[in-house]
Each structure stands twice: as C-alpha cells, then as structure tokens.
C-alpha cells in the first residue's frame, strides 16, 4: 500500500465549471480526500483553498485531470484567501 500525503492548493474554477461535482469526482476517480479550508465564490468563478489527502501518484493524476478540465491548480505552503 502506498503512503498517503497531504498537499495544499488554491484552485480556481471558471464560471462554467463551478457547478460540477468536483469533490465527488476526486473521491471516486482518484481516492483523494478533498478538504475545503477557505473559499470565495462569485458569479464569475470560485476560488477555493483545498487540502488534498491521498497517494502521491493519485494526487498528480487528480491535478492533471483538473487542469485538463480548465481548472487552475496552484500548489501552496499555506492557504490564504
């Protein structure tokens, strides 16, 4: 069994993607535990501070998936919004 790790991100969802079930997709597709720790939602976008818990390889796959879908993912050491 691979070791789990936790990483922090600022994730920006564009307007047309705000209503997608992102947490569900991350959990079911990548076995990631997403934790929203901060956020700002407007009519134009959602900017959320996330902590992801999962295996390193699956975290990388999840981030690639989000990027491919048009979501901006920025790794951070500390979440400040």
Protein backbone atom coordinates (compact mmCIF):
# COMPACT_ATOMS: atom_id res chain seq x y z
CA UNK A 1 0.00 0.00 0.00
CA UNK A 2 1.36 3.41 -0.98
CA UNK A 3 1.74 6.10 1.64
CA UNK A 4 -0.76 8.93 1.77
CA UNK A 5 0.32 12.54 1.83
CA UNK A 6 -1.39 15.90 2.29
CA UNK A 7 -0.90 18.86 -0.02
CA UNK A 8 -2.43 22.33 -0.17
CA UNK A 9 -3.70 24.14 -3.24
CA UNK A 10 -5.52 27.26 -4.35
CA UNK A 11 -7.95 26.06 -7.00
CA UNK A 12 -9.81 28.41 -9.34
CA UNK A 13 -12.92 27.14 -11.09
CA UNK A 14 -14.15 29.22 -14.04
CA UNK A 15 -17.82 30.19 -14.18
CA UNK A 16 -18.90 27.36 -16.49
CA UNK A 17 -17.36 24.73 -14.19
CA UNK A 18 -18.47 25.97 -10.75
CA UNK A 19 -21.49 23.67 -10.50
CA UNK A 20 -19.64 20.44 -11.38
CA UNK A 21 -19.39 17.77 -8.62
CA UNK A 22 -15.62 18.16 -8.17
CA UNK A 23 -15.34 16.66 -4.69
CA UNK A 24 -17.30 13.59 -5.76
CA UNK A 25 -15.12 13.17 -8.86
CA UNK A 26 -11.89 13.46 -6.85
CA UNK A 27 -13.08 10.92 -4.30
CA UNK A 28 -14.45 8.34 -6.73
CA UNK A 29 -11.89 8.65 -9.55
CA UNK A 30 -8.68 9.20 -7.59
CA UNK A 31 -9.34 8.12 -3.98
CA UNK A 32 -8.50 11.68 -2.89
CA UNK A 33 -9.95 13.15 0.29
CA UNK A 34 -10.60 16.82 -0.55
CA UNK A 35 -10.98 19.30 2.30
CA UNK A 36 -12.09 22.85 1.50
CA UNK A 37 -10.50 25.11 4.12
CA UNK A 38 -11.27 28.54 2.60
CA UNK A 39 -13.13 29.94 -0.33
CA UNK A 40 -14.57 32.80 -2.31
CA UNK A 41 -17.41 32.25 -4.75
CA UNK A 42 -18.73 34.84 -7.16
CA UNK A 43 -20.81 34.86 -10.33
CA UNK A 44 -17.65 34.59 -12.42
CA UNK A 45 -15.59 31.98 -10.58
CA UNK A 46 -14.89 30.05 -7.41
CA UNK A 47 -11.52 30.29 -5.69
CA UNK A 48 -11.10 27.61 -3.06
CA UNK A 49 -8.32 26.66 -0.68
CA UNK A 50 -8.12 22.88 -0.68
CA UNK A 51 -6.12 20.32 1.23
CA UNK A 52 -5.89 17.01 -0.64
CA UNK A 53 -5.10 13.77 1.17
CA UNK A 54 -4.07 10.84 -1.00
CA UNK A 55 -1.33 8.80 -2.57
CA UNK A 56 1.28 10.95 -4.37
CA UNK A 57 0.68 9.35 -7.78
CA UNK A 58 -3.09 9.77 -7.46
CA UNK A 59 -2.69 13.40 -6.38
CA UNK A 60 -0.70 14.04 -9.56
CA UNK A 61 -3.39 12.35 -11.67
CA UNK A 62 -6.11 14.38 -9.96
CA UNK A 63 -4.27 17.65 -10.58
CA UNK A 64 -3.73 16.73 -14.25
CA UNK A 65 -7.44 15.93 -14.53
CA UNK A 66 -8.43 19.30 -13.05
CA UNK A 67 -6.00 21.14 -15.35
CA UNK A 68 -7.33 19.25 -18.38
CA UNK A 69 -10.86 20.32 -17.43
CA UNK A 70 -9.83 24.01 -17.37
CA UNK A 71 -9.37 24.38 -13.62
CA UNK A 72 -6.34 26.34 -12.37
CA UNK A 73 -4.44 24.49 -9.62
CA UNK A 74 -1.73 26.32 -7.69
CA UNK A 75 0.29 24.43 -5.04
CA UNK A 76 0.87 26.48 -1.87
CA UNK A 77 2.53 26.04 1.51
CA UNK A 78 -0.20 27.96 3.33
CA UNK A 79 -3.75 28.78 2.27
CA UNK A 80 -4.59 32.49 2.42
CA UNK A 81 -7.60 33.91 0.61
